[in-house]
C-alpha atoms as a PDB file:
ATOM      1  CA  MET A   1    -114.793 -84.513 147.598  1.00  0.00           C
ATOM      2  CA  SER A   2    -116.516 -82.987 144.560  1.00  0.00           C
ATOM      3  CA  ASP A   3    -119.379 -80.319 145.107  1.00  0.00           C
ATOM      4  CA  ALA A   4    -121.656 -83.150 144.262  1.00  0.00           C
ATOM      5  CA  SER A   5    -120.939 -85.023 147.223  1.00  0.00           C
ATOM      6  CA  LEU A   6    -122.271 -84.982 150.960  1.00  0.00           C
ATOM      7  CA  THR A   7    -119.317 -84.514 153.485  1.00  0.00           C
ATOM      8  CA  ASP A   8    -119.662 -83.784 157.292  1.00  0.00           C
ATOM      9  CA  SER A   9    -117.465 -81.848 159.549  1.00  0.00           C
ATOM     10  CA  PHE A  10    -115.126 -84.584 160.065  1.00  0.00           C
ATOM     11  CA  GLY A  11    -113.990 -85.446 156.496  1.00  0.00           C
ATOM     12  CA  ARG A  12    -116.670 -88.646 156.423  1.00  0.00           C
ATOM     13  CA  ARG A  13    -118.403 -89.119 152.983  1.00  0.00           C
ATOM     14  CA  ILE A  14    -122.431 -89.687 153.810  1.00  0.00           C
ATOM     15  CA  ASP A  15    -123.687 -92.377 150.762  1.00  0.00           C
ATOM     16  CA  TYR A  16    -126.232 -93.998 152.723  1.00  0.00           C
ATOM     17  CA  LEU A  17    -129.624 -92.992 153.601  1.00  0.00           C
ATOM     18  CA  ARG A  18    -131.635 -95.574 155.625  1.00  0.00           C
ATOM     19  CA  LEU A  19    -135.449 -94.396 155.315  1.00  0.00           C
ATOM     20  CA  SER A  20    -137.923 -95.317 158.090  1.00  0.00           C
ATOM     21  CA  VAL A  21    -141.321 -95.535 156.100  1.00  0.00           C
ATOM     22  CA  THR A  22    -143.378 -96.088 159.323  1.00  0.00           C
ATOM     23  CA  ASP A  23    -142.772 -96.332 163.305  1.00  0.00           C
ATOM     24  CA  ARG A  24    -145.261 -99.257 163.607  1.00  0.00           C
ATOM     25  CA  CYS A  25    -144.463-102.743 164.408  1.00  0.00           C
ATOM     26  CA  ASP A  26    -146.356-105.933 164.033  1.00  0.00           C
ATOM     27  CA  LEU A  27    -143.965-107.235 166.518  1.00  0.00           C
ATOM     28  CA  ARG A  28    -142.540-105.682 170.166  1.00  0.00           C
ATOM     29  CA  CYS A  29    -139.244-107.065 170.726  1.00  0.00           C
ATOM     30  CA  GLY A  30    -138.433-105.484 174.103  1.00  0.00           C
ATOM     31  CA  TYR A  31    -135.178-103.405 173.303  1.00  0.00           C
ATOM     32  CA  CYS A  32    -137.307-101.884 170.879  1.00  0.00           C
ATOM     33  CA  LEU A  33    -140.716-100.940 171.374  1.00  0.00           C
ATOM     34  CA  PRO A  34    -142.883-101.353 174.765  1.00  0.00           C
ATOM     35  CA  LYS A  35    -145.599-103.818 174.862  1.00  0.00           C
ATOM     36  CA  GLY A  36    -148.643-101.856 174.728  1.00  0.00           C
ATOM     37  CA  PHE A  37    -147.088 -98.780 173.016  1.00  0.00           C
ATOM     38  CA  LYS A  38    -149.897 -96.417 171.124  1.00  0.00           C
ATOM     39  CA  GLY A  39    -148.159 -93.504 170.893  1.00  0.00           C
ATOM     40  CA  PHE A  40    -146.794 -93.855 167.475  1.00  0.00           C
ATOM     41  CA  GLU A  41    -146.935 -90.935 164.779  1.00  0.00           C
ATOM     42  CA  GLU A  42    -150.134 -89.640 163.143  1.00  0.00           C
ATOM     43  CA  PRO A  43    -150.643 -90.660 159.590  1.00  0.00           C
ATOM     44  CA  ALA A  44    -151.241 -87.377 158.810  1.00  0.00           C
ATOM     45  CA  HIS A  45    -147.704 -86.523 159.565  1.00  0.00           C
ATOM     46  CA  TRP A  46    -146.190 -89.197 157.674  1.00  0.00           C
ATOM     47  CA  LEU A  47    -144.304 -88.315 154.364  1.00  0.00           C
ATOM     48  CA  SER A  48    -145.891 -89.348 151.192  1.00  0.00           C
ATOM     49  CA  PHE A  49    -144.516 -91.088 148.853  1.00  0.00           C
ATOM     50  CA  GLU A  50    -144.205 -88.143 146.289  1.00  0.00           C
ATOM     51  CA  GLU A  51    -142.336 -86.449 149.261  1.00  0.00           C
ATOM     52  CA  ILE A  52    -140.090 -88.962 150.092  1.00  0.00           C
ATOM     53  CA  GLU A  53    -139.159 -89.328 146.470  1.00  0.00           C
ATOM     54  CA  ARG A  54    -138.298 -85.680 146.400  1.00  0.00           C
ATOM     55  CA  VAL A  55    -136.118 -86.282 149.460  1.00  0.00           C
ATOM     56  CA  VAL A  56    -134.458 -89.326 147.946  1.00  0.00           C
ATOM     57  CA  ALA A  57    -133.991 -87.783 144.732  1.00  0.00           C
ATOM     58  CA  ALA A  58    -132.199 -84.963 146.641  1.00  0.00           C
ATOM     59  CA  PHE A  59    -129.583 -87.254 148.515  1.00  0.00           C
ATOM     60  CA  THR A  60    -128.772 -88.982 145.064  1.00  0.00           C
ATOM     61  CA  ALA A  61    -128.274 -85.836 143.170  1.00  0.00           C
ATOM     62  CA  LEU A  62    -125.594 -85.329 146.309  1.00  0.00           C
ATOM     63  CA  GLY A  63    -124.014 -88.751 146.067  1.00  0.00           C
ATOM     64  CA  VAL A  64    -125.950 -90.754 148.242  1.00  0.00           C
ATOM     65  CA  ARG A  65    -125.982 -94.252 146.647  1.00  0.00           C
ATOM     66  CA  ARG A  66    -127.669 -96.354 149.067  1.00  0.00           C
ATOM     67  CA  VAL A  67    -130.696 -96.294 150.506  1.00  0.00           C
ATOM     68  CA  ARG A  68    -132.435 -98.767 153.030  1.00  0.00           C
ATOM     69  CA  LEU A  69    -136.165 -99.177 153.412  1.00  0.00           C
ATOM     70  CA  THR A  70    -136.748 -99.141 157.105  1.00  0.00           C
ATOM     71  CA  GLY A  71    -139.353 -99.107 160.345  1.00  0.00           C
ATOM     72  CA  GLY A  72    -140.569 -99.635 162.475  1.00  0.00           C
ATOM     73  CA  GLU A  73    -141.519-102.759 160.048  1.00  0.00           C
ATOM     74  CA  PRO A  74    -141.525-101.118 156.404  1.00  0.00           C
ATOM     75  CA  LEU A  75    -143.805-104.012 154.982  1.00  0.00           C
ATOM     76  CA  MET A  76    -146.660-102.630 157.344  1.00  0.00           C
ATOM     77  CA  ARG A  77    -146.676 -99.393 155.074  1.00  0.00           C
ATOM     78  CA  ARG A  78    -149.324 -99.934 152.691  1.00  0.00           C
ATOM     79  CA  GLY A  79    -148.179-100.016 148.640  1.00  0.00           C
ATOM     80  CA  LEU A  80    -144.321-100.111 150.061  1.00  0.00           C
ATOM     81  CA  THR A  81    -143.882-102.158 146.541  1.00  0.00           C
ATOM     82  CA  GLU A  82    -144.921 -98.696 144.077  1.00  0.00           C
ATOM     83  CA  LEU A  83    -142.671 -96.731 146.915  1.00  0.00           C
ATOM     84  CA  ALA A  84    -139.908 -99.251 145.955  1.00  0.00           C
ATOM     85  CA  ALA A  85    -140.073 -99.075 142.120  1.00  0.00           C
ATOM     86  CA  ARG A  86    -140.318 -95.356 142.134  1.00  0.00           C
ATOM     87  CA  LEU A  87    -137.273 -94.920 144.187  1.00  0.00           C
ATOM     88  CA  SER A  88    -135.618 -97.923 142.392  1.00  0.00           C
ATOM     89  CA  ALA A  89    -136.147 -95.640 139.213  1.00  0.00           C
ATOM     90  CA  LEU A  90    -134.029 -92.403 140.444  1.00  0.00           C
ATOM     91  CA  PRO A  91    -131.033 -91.803 138.541  1.00  0.00           C
ATOM     92  CA  GLY A  92    -127.868 -92.510 140.760  1.00  0.00           C
ATOM     93  CA  LEU A  93    -129.657 -94.980 143.275  1.00  0.00           C
ATOM     94  CA  ASP A  94    -127.718 -98.068 143.104  1.00  0.00           C
ATOM     95  CA  ASP A  95    -128.904-100.100 145.525  1.00  0.00           C
ATOM     96  CA  LEU A  96    -132.157-100.582 147.319  1.00  0.00           C
ATOM     97  CA  SER A  97    -132.597-102.779 150.218  1.00  0.00           C
ATOM     98  CA  LEU A  98    -134.817-103.482 153.088  1.00  0.00           C
ATOM     99  CA  SER A  99    -134.652-104.563 156.867  1.00  0.00           C
ATOM    100  CA  SER A 100    -137.488-106.345 158.208  1.00  0.00           C
ATOM    101  CA  ASN A 101    -138.679-108.786 160.467  1.00  0.00           C
ATOM    102  CA  ALA A 102    -140.157-110.542 157.689  1.00  0.00           C
ATOM    103  CA  THR A 103    -143.361-111.754 158.936  1.00  0.00           C
ATOM    104  CA  GLN A 104    -145.166-110.596 155.741  1.00  0.00           C
ATOM    105  CA  LEU A 105    -142.295-111.382 153.072  1.00  0.00           C
ATOM    106  CA  GLU A 106    -143.887-114.554 152.183  1.00  0.00           C
ATOM    107  CA  SER A 107    -146.508-112.936 150.125  1.00  0.00           C
ATOM    108  CA  LEU A 108    -144.370-109.686 149.464  1.00  0.00           C
ATOM    109  CA  ALA A 109    -141.120-110.850 148.710  1.00  0.00           C
ATOM    110  CA  GLY A 110    -141.388-111.349 144.895  1.00  0.00           C
ATOM    111  CA  PRO A 111    -143.410-107.973 144.092  1.00  0.00           C
ATOM    112  CA  LEU A 112    -140.850-106.258 146.263  1.00  0.00           C
ATOM    113  CA  ALA A 113    -138.049-107.879 144.680  1.00  0.00           C
ATOM    114  CA  ARG A 114    -139.475-107.407 141.065  1.00  0.00           C
ATOM    115  CA  ALA A 115    -140.204-103.527 142.352  1.00  0.00           C
ATOM    116  CA  GLY A 116    -136.208-103.031 142.747  1.00  0.00           C
ATOM    117  CA  VAL A 117    -135.456-104.411 146.492  1.00  0.00           C
ATOM    118  CA  ARG A 118    -131.920-106.482 145.803  1.00  0.00           C
ATOM    119  CA  ARG A 119    -131.023-106.927 149.747  1.00  0.00           C
ATOM    120  CA  LEU A 120    -132.417-108.031 152.611  1.00  0.00           C
ATOM    121  CA  ASN A 121    -131.374-107.714 156.362  1.00  0.00           C
ATOM    122  CA  VAL A 122    -133.846-109.567 158.745  1.00  0.00           C
ATOM    123  CA  SER A 123    -134.075-109.740 162.254  1.00  0.00           C
ATOM    124  CA  LEU A 124    -133.935-113.029 163.838  1.00  0.00           C
ATOM    125  CA  ASP A 125    -133.097-113.346 167.690  1.00  0.00           C
ATOM    126  CA  SER A 126    -133.710-116.925 168.239  1.00  0.00           C
ATOM    127  CA  LEU A 127    -134.143-120.311 166.467  1.00  0.00           C
ATOM    128  CA  ASN A 128    -136.304-121.888 169.388  1.00  0.00           C
ATOM    129  CA  PRO A 129    -140.202-120.702 168.838  1.00  0.00           C
ATOM    130  CA  GLU A 130    -140.697-120.226 172.699  1.00  0.00           C
ATOM    131  CA  VAL A 131    -137.524-117.943 173.119  1.00  0.00           C
ATOM    132  CA  PHE A 132    -138.792-115.905 169.859  1.00  0.00           C
ATOM    133  CA  ARG A 133    -142.365-115.582 171.038  1.00  0.00           C
ATOM    134  CA  GLN A 134    -140.858-114.195 174.474  1.00  0.00           C
ATOM    135  CA  ILE A 135    -138.324-111.745 173.001  1.00  0.00           C
ATOM    136  CA  THR A 136    -140.979-110.888 170.102  1.00  0.00           C
ATOM    137  CA  GLY A 137    -144.425-111.837 170.704  1.00  0.00           C
ATOM    138  CA  GLY A 138    -144.581-113.316 167.381  1.00  0.00           C
ATOM    139  CA  ASP A 139    -144.546-116.689 165.110  1.00  0.00           C
ATOM    140  CA  LEU A 140    -140.833-118.197 163.883  1.00  0.00           C
ATOM    141  CA  GLU A 141    -142.279-120.237 161.656  1.00  0.00           C
ATOM    142  CA  GLN A 142    -144.338-117.296 159.990  1.00  0.00           C
ATOM    143  CA  VAL A 143    -140.821-115.570 159.893  1.00  0.00           C
ATOM    144  CA  ARG A 144    -138.998-118.560 158.475  1.00  0.00           C
ATOM    145  CA  ARG A 145    -141.317-118.805 155.760  1.00  0.00           C
ATOM    146  CA  GLY A 146    -140.807-115.140 154.793  1.00  0.00           C
ATOM    147  CA  ILE A 147    -136.559-115.494 154.734  1.00  0.00           C
ATOM    148  CA  ALA A 148    -137.286-118.456 152.653  1.00  0.00           C
ATOM    149  CA  ALA A 149    -139.539-116.658 150.168  1.00  0.00           C
ATOM    150  CA  ALA A 150    -137.053-113.923 150.038  1.00  0.00           C
ATOM    151  CA  ARG A 151    -134.209-116.128 149.165  1.00  0.00           C
ATOM    152  CA  GLU A 152    -136.844-117.674 146.497  1.00  0.00           C
ATOM    153  CA  ALA A 153    -137.323-114.471 145.066  1.00  0.00           C
ATOM    154  CA  GLY A 154    -133.562-113.828 144.604  1.00  0.00           C
ATOM    155  CA  MET A 155    -132.762-111.338 147.174  1.00  0.00           C
ATOM    156  CA  GLU A 156    -129.109-111.353 147.677  1.00  0.00           C
ATOM    157  CA  PRO A 157    -127.272-111.259 150.109  1.00  0.00           C
ATOM    158  CA  ILE A 158    -129.704-111.969 153.167  1.00  0.00           C
ATOM    159  CA  ARG A 159    -128.045-110.852 156.337  1.00  0.00           C
ATOM    160  CA  VAL A 160    -129.604-112.159 159.304  1.00  0.00           C
ATOM    161  CA  ASN A 161    -129.407-109.533 162.294  1.00  0.00           C
ATOM    162  CA  THR A 162    -129.184-111.124 166.015  1.00  0.00           C
ATOM    163  CA  VAL A 163    -129.344-108.971 168.970  1.00  0.00           C
ATOM    164  CA  VAL A 164    -127.041-110.688 171.120  1.00  0.00           C
ATOM    165  CA  MET A 165    -129.071-110.622 175.160  1.00  0.00           C
ATOM    166  CA  ARG A 166    -127.113-112.173 177.887  1.00  0.00           C
ATOM    167  CA  GLY A 167    -129.421-115.050 179.708  1.00  0.00           C
ATOM    168  CA  VAL A 168    -131.882-115.114 176.763  1.00  0.00           C
ATOM    169  CA  ASN A 169    -130.351-115.990 173.522  1.00  0.00           C
ATOM    170  CA  ASP A 170    -126.595-116.038 173.851  1.00  0.00           C
ATOM    171  CA  THR A 171    -126.404-119.909 174.101  1.00  0.00           C
ATOM    172  CA  GLU A 172    -128.080-120.185 170.412  1.00  0.00           C
ATOM    173  CA  ILE A 173    -125.472-118.355 168.535  1.00  0.00           C
ATOM    174  CA  GLU A 174    -123.994-121.519 167.225  1.00  0.00           C
ATOM    175  CA  ASP A 175    -127.151-122.421 166.119  1.00  0.00           C
ATOM    176  CA  ILE A 176    -128.051-119.468 164.105  1.00  0.00           C
ATOM    177  CA  LEU A 177    -124.712-119.677 162.613  1.00  0.00           C
ATOM    178  CA  ASP A 178    -125.147-123.206 161.396  1.00  0.00           C
ATOM    179  CA  TYR A 179    -128.591-121.824 160.001  1.00  0.00           C
ATOM    180  CA  CYS A 180    -127.097-119.319 158.240  1.00  0.00           C
ATOM    181  CA  ALA A 181    -124.107-121.283 156.699  1.00  0.00           C
ATOM    182  CA  ALA A 182    -126.323-124.011 155.600  1.00  0.00           C
ATOM    183  CA  ARG A 183    -128.513-121.267 153.266  1.00  0.00           C
ATOM    184  CA  GLY A 184    -125.649-118.821 152.521  1.00  0.00           C
ATOM    185  CA  PHE A 185    -127.060-115.673 154.697  1.00  0.00           C
ATOM    186  CA  THR A 186    -124.791-113.685 156.594  1.00  0.00           C
ATOM    187  CA  LEU A 187    -125.041-113.274 160.370  1.00  0.00           C
ATOM    188  CA  ARG A 188    -124.409-110.435 162.469  1.00  0.00           C
ATOM    189  CA  LEU A 189    -124.366-110.334 165.802  1.00  0.00           C
ATOM    190  CA  ILE A 190    -125.257-107.050 167.633  1.00  0.00           C
ATOM    191  CA  GLU A 191    -124.852-105.341 170.999  1.00  0.00           C
ATOM    192  CA  THR A 192    -127.871-103.957 172.716  1.00  0.00           C
ATOM    193  CA  MET A 193    -128.050 -99.896 172.319  1.00  0.00           C
ATOM    194  CA  PRO A 194    -129.332 -97.956 175.121  1.00  0.00           C
ATOM    195  CA  MET A 195    -132.188 -96.512 172.931  1.00  0.00           C
ATOM    196  CA  GLY A 196    -135.097 -94.853 175.081  1.00  0.00           C
ATOM    197  CA  ALA A 197    -136.513 -96.601 178.125  1.00  0.00           C
ATOM    198  CA  THR A 198    -136.447-100.658 176.429  1.00  0.00           C
ATOM    199  CA  GLY A 199    -133.103 -99.847 175.164  1.00  0.00           C
ATOM    200  CA  GLN A 200    -131.928 -98.783 178.518  1.00  0.00           C
ATOM    201  CA  ALA A 201    -134.107-101.611 180.616  1.00  0.00           C
ATOM    202  CA  ALA A 202    -132.812-104.469 177.899  1.00  0.00           C
ATOM    203  CA  MET A 203    -129.033-103.277 179.052  1.00  0.00           C
ATOM    204  CA  SER A 204    -129.572-105.547 182.098  1.00  0.00           C
ATOM    205  CA  ALA A 205    -128.934-108.447 179.362  1.00  0.00           C
ATOM    206  CA  PHE A 206    -126.169-106.640 177.231  1.00  0.00           C
ATOM    207  CA  GLY A 207    -124.014-109.246 175.818  1.00  0.00           C
ATOM    208  CA  ASP A 208    -120.513-108.348 175.004  1.00  0.00           C
ATOM    209  CA  LEU A 209    -119.455-109.781 171.456  1.00  0.00           C
ATOM    210  CA  GLU A 210    -116.114-110.305 172.401  1.00  0.00           C
ATOM    211  CA  PRO A 211    -116.819-113.521 174.548  1.00  0.00           C
ATOM    212  CA  ILE A 212    -119.067-114.203 172.357  1.00  0.00           C
ATOM    213  CA  LYS A 213    -116.075-114.267 169.294  1.00  0.00           C
ATOM    214  CA  ARG A 214    -113.838-116.128 171.232  1.00  0.00           C
ATOM    215  CA  ARG A 215    -116.360-118.944 172.525  1.00  0.00           C
ATOM    216  CA  LEU A 216    -117.453-119.137 168.130  1.00  0.00           C
ATOM    217  CA  GLU A 217    -113.433-119.645 167.560  1.00  0.00           C
ATOM    218  CA  GLN A 218    -113.317-122.776 169.637  1.00  0.00           C
ATOM    219  CA  ARG A 219    -115.850-124.575 167.081  1.00  0.00           C
ATOM    220  CA  PHE A 220    -115.638-122.251 163.548  1.00  0.00           C
ATOM    221  CA  GLU A 221    -112.287-121.216 161.951  1.00  0.00           C
ATOM    222  CA  LEU A 222    -113.055-117.200 161.285  1.00  0.00           C
ATOM    223  CA  ILE A 223    -110.803-115.640 158.430  1.00  0.00           C
ATOM    224  CA  PRO A 224    -110.976-111.642 158.876  1.00  0.00           C
ATOM    225  CA  ASP A 225    -113.161-110.715 155.503  1.00  0.00           C
ATOM    226  CA  ILE A 226    -114.493-107.409 154.146  1.00  0.00           C
ATOM    227  CA  LEU A 227    -118.134-107.290 152.765  1.00  0.00           C
ATOM    228  CA  PRO A 228    -118.683-104.364 150.188  1.00  0.00           C
ATOM    229  CA  GLY A 229    -121.478-102.148 151.741  1.00  0.00           C
ATOM    230  CA  GLY A 230    -120.990-104.437 154.925  1.00  0.00           C
ATOM    231  CA  GLY A 231    -121.728-101.038 157.286  1.00  0.00           C
ATOM    232  CA  PRO A 232    -120.350-100.892 160.691  1.00  0.00           C
ATOM    233  CA  ALA A 233    -119.485-104.538 161.213  1.00  0.00           C
ATOM    234  CA  ARG A 234    -116.229-106.265 161.625  1.00  0.00           C
ATOM    235  CA  TYR A 235    -116.189-108.990 159.193  1.00  0.00           C
ATOM    236  CA  TYR A 236    -115.079-113.004 159.121  1.00  0.00           C
ATOM    237  CA  ARG A 237    -115.596-115.822 156.856  1.00  0.00           C
ATOM    238  CA  VAL A 238    -116.372-119.172 157.923  1.00  0.00           C
ATOM    239  CA  ALA A 239    -113.666-121.464 156.454  1.00  0.00           C
ATOM    240  CA  GLY A 240    -115.357-123.787 154.149  1.00  0.00           C
ATOM    241  CA  THR A 241    -118.089-121.751 153.754  1.00  0.00           C
ATOM    242  CA  GLU A 242    -119.168-118.311 151.605  1.00  0.00           C
ATOM    243  CA  THR A 243    -121.047-117.305 154.699  1.00  0.00           C
ATOM    244  CA  ARG A 244    -119.561-114.267 156.708  1.00  0.00           C
ATOM    245  CA  LEU A 245    -119.948-113.719 160.411  1.00  0.00           C
ATOM    246  CA  GLY A 246    -120.091-109.625 161.289  1.00  0.00           C
ATOM    247  CA  PHE A 247    -119.925-108.049 164.679  1.00  0.00           C
ATOM    248  CA  ILE A 248    -121.890-104.997 165.229  1.00  0.00           C
ATOM    249  CA  THR A 249    -120.109-103.314 168.087  1.00  0.00           C
ATOM    250  CA  PRO A 250    -121.591 -99.974 169.098  1.00  0.00           C
ATOM    251  CA  LEU A 251    -120.445-100.146 172.871  1.00  0.00           C
ATOM    252  CA  SER A 252    -117.896-102.212 173.141  1.00  0.00           C
ATOM    253  CA  GLN A 253    -115.660-101.046 170.238  1.00  0.00           C
ATOM    254  CA  HIS A 254    -117.616 -97.934 168.428  1.00  0.00           C
ATOM    255  CA  PHE A 255    -117.336 -97.488 164.666  1.00  0.00           C
ATOM    256  CA  CYS A 256    -118.229 -93.850 164.601  1.00  0.00           C
ATOM    257  CA  ALA A 257    -114.924 -93.053 162.907  1.00  0.00           C
ATOM    258  CA  THR A 258    -116.199 -94.786 159.537  1.00  0.00           C
ATOM    259  CA  CYS A 259    -120.120 -93.432 159.658  1.00  0.00           C
ATOM    260  CA  ASN A 260    -121.421 -93.005 156.256  1.00  0.00           C
ATOM    261  CA  ARG A 261    -125.355 -92.515 156.884  1.00  0.00           C
ATOM    262  CA  VAL A 262    -128.150 -90.575 158.084  1.00  0.00           C
ATOM    263  CA  ARG A 263    -131.721 -91.265 159.081  1.00  0.00           C
ATOM    264  CA  LEU A 264    -134.839 -90.280 157.914  1.00  0.00           C
ATOM    265  CA  THR A 265    -137.981 -90.780 159.447  1.00  0.00           C
ATOM    266  CA  VAL A 266    -141.422 -91.407 158.706  1.00  0.00           C
ATOM    267  CA  GLU A 267    -142.383 -87.935 159.769  1.00  0.00           C
ATOM    268  CA  GLY A 268    -139.485 -86.068 157.988  1.00  0.00           C
ATOM    269  CA  THR A 269    -137.567 -85.824 160.958  1.00  0.00           C
ATOM    270  CA  LEU A 270    -133.581 -86.200 159.740  1.00  0.00           C
ATOM    271  CA  TYR A 271    -131.240 -87.972 162.844  1.00  0.00           C
ATOM    272  CA  LEU A 272    -128.066 -87.381 161.846  1.00  0.00           C
ATOM    273  CA  CYS A 273    -126.355 -90.092 164.744  1.00  0.00           C
ATOM    274  CA  LEU A 274    -128.284 -92.857 165.806  1.00  0.00           C
ATOM    275  CA  GLY A 275    -126.941 -92.358 169.188  1.00  0.00           C
ATOM    276  CA  GLN A 276    -127.284 -88.687 169.663  1.00  0.00           C
ATOM    277  CA  ASP A 277    -130.390 -85.773 169.398  1.00  0.00           C
ATOM    278  CA  HIS A 278    -128.736 -84.126 166.506  1.00  0.00           C
ATOM    279  CA  SER A 279    -131.676 -83.869 163.822  1.00  0.00           C
ATOM    280  CA  TYR A 280    -133.087 -81.300 160.941  1.00  0.00           C
ATOM    281  CA  PRO A 281    -136.926 -81.206 160.446  1.00  0.00           C
ATOM    282  CA  LEU A 282    -137.550 -81.640 156.666  1.00  0.00           C
ATOM    283  CA  ARG A 283    -141.148 -82.197 156.798  1.00  0.00           C
ATOM    284  CA  GLU A 284    -142.446 -78.722 156.632  1.00  0.00           C
ATOM    285  CA  LEU A 285    -140.440 -77.463 154.314  1.00  0.00           C
ATOM    286  CA  LEU A 286    -141.541 -80.064 152.039  1.00  0.00           C
ATOM    287  CA  ARG A 287    -145.183 -79.518 152.380  1.00  0.00           C
ATOM    288  CA  THR A 288    -144.320 -75.444 151.812  1.00  0.00           C
ATOM    289  CA  GLY A 289    -142.958 -76.279 147.810  1.00  0.00           C
ATOM    290  CA  ILE A 290    -139.327 -76.086 148.536  1.00  0.00           C
ATOM    291  CA  GLY A 291    -137.321 -76.185 145.160  1.00  0.00           C
ATOM    292  CA  ALA A 292    -134.787 -78.766 144.321  1.00  0.00           C
ATOM    293  CA  ALA A 293    -131.790 -76.780 145.152  1.00  0.00           C
ATOM    294  CA  GLU A 294    -133.084 -75.655 147.835  1.00  0.00           C
ATOM    295  CA  LEU A 295    -133.650 -78.703 149.294  1.00  0.00           C
ATOM    296  CA  GLN A 296    -130.207 -79.931 148.614  1.00  0.00           C
ATOM    297  CA  ALA A 297    -128.621 -76.804 150.463  1.00  0.00           C
ATOM    298  CA  HIS A 298    -130.662 -77.976 153.355  1.00  0.00           C
ATOM    299  CA  LEU A 299    -129.281 -81.105 153.408  1.00  0.00           C
ATOM    300  CA  ARG A 300    -126.154 -79.891 153.207  1.00  0.00           C
ATOM    301  CA  GLN A 301    -127.021 -78.016 156.427  1.00  0.00           C
ATOM    302  CA  ALA A 302    -128.196 -80.975 158.070  1.00  0.00           C
ATOM    303  CA  ILE A 303    -125.214 -83.412 157.007  1.00  0.00           C
ATOM    304  CA  ALA A 304    -122.961 -80.386 158.659  1.00  0.00           C
ATOM    305  CA  LEU A 305    -124.953 -80.895 162.141  1.00  0.00           C
ATOM    306  CA  LYS A 306    -123.646 -84.770 162.382  1.00  0.00           C
ATOM    307  CA  PRO A 307    -121.511 -85.273 165.488  1.00  0.00           C
ATOM    308  CA  GLU A 308    -118.429 -86.920 165.528  1.00  0.00           C
ATOM    309  CA  ARG A 309    -119.613 -90.065 167.474  1.00  0.00           C
ATOM    310  CA  HIS A 310    -122.253 -91.379 170.081  1.00  0.00           C
ATOM    311  CA  GLU A 311    -122.191 -91.289 173.888  1.00  0.00           C
ATOM    312  CA  PHE A 312    -123.827 -94.244 174.510  1.00  0.00           C
ATOM    313  CA  ASN A 313    -121.113 -94.975 177.551  1.00  0.00           C
ATOM    314  CA  GLU A 314    -120.646 -91.660 178.487  1.00  0.00           C
ATOM    315  CA  ARG A 315    -124.561 -90.933 178.501  1.00  0.00           C
ATOM    316  CA  PRO A 316    -126.432 -93.661 178.406  1.00  0.00           C
ATOM    317  CA  GLY A 317    -130.240 -92.169 179.038  1.00  0.00           C
ATOM    318  CA  GLN A 318    -129.980 -89.117 176.756  1.00  0.00           C
ATOM    319  CA  VAL A 319    -131.697 -90.826 173.874  1.00  0.00           C
ATOM    320  CA  VAL A 320    -135.175 -90.906 175.073  1.00  0.00           C
ATOM    321  CA  ARG A 321    -136.643 -91.949 171.673  1.00  0.00           C
ATOM    322  CA  PHE A 322    -137.274 -95.677 171.014  1.00  0.00           C
ATOM    323  CA  MET A 323    -135.377 -97.314 168.301  1.00  0.00           C
ATOM    324  CA  SER A 324    -138.561 -97.916 166.247  1.00  0.00           C
ATOM    325  CA  MET A 325    -139.349 -94.116 166.211  1.00  0.00           C
ATOM    326  CA  THR A 326    -135.654 -93.244 164.655  1.00  0.00           C
ATOM    327  CA  GLY A 327    -135.531 -95.986 161.865  1.00  0.00           C
ATOM    328  CA  GLY A 328    -133.270 -98.772 162.570  1.00  0.00           C
END
């Protein structure tokens, strides 16, 4: 690898940053954030847009080419379109994308697309309004309007993320796949992860994706496929369509050997693995006026801490932070 790239101790090249811009969310998905939770990070501790831009510039100088804006719900961060425009203008950044619950996309999809956000991952766990409200506390039609607005704004591809929960939404998967196929969306099915008390409690409804895949194969012809920038999912194309179906299986079939990403929280902590506590604090470094070269040196030190793999199966209770605190 060149000196301008980030490579961890296990030979994995790190070229993808998931950037949390807030830990707040306007929904309360049971596997992510507890109902009534109020222990959010103080805004004074949030990285400013200038600080975020400095960190992302340091990452791109070291070969990171993809950045995804996450949360919590990133659209709750005031001025997100301004930040998106600043980041999309950085030399070396090839791909700026967004993960969202889509509740506010009806009004923001157009401005974000014009600011440089090209791709969207949207969380959609049910097409049944009552089940959706049970899972999230939110309004399904508001979300569907947001997704439609993103499509109209030209965001492509749009990937729908569905956390499969046994006894909650596992009977809907065919309907969700039909919804995606009719619109040219990619569907990614995700296994619950034991992140914090909420994630550990949600494991009681854990849905193993292998039986789901076998069930889908009875109705759809699934052709093994590869999706550029597809991340950890194993992809299939639905025969007769351009729709892809992905399976993200951190528990039943982990994908750590090809992990190419790190996560930066809103308060400036760099987490090197979603399922471990290895981290590196950046906020105080940024606020003491650290220069670009020194910041890049710290990023290299941080990447050296990246563990080989998570231990969700062996030590399911070790990660106590909620998913929303890490950045999705």
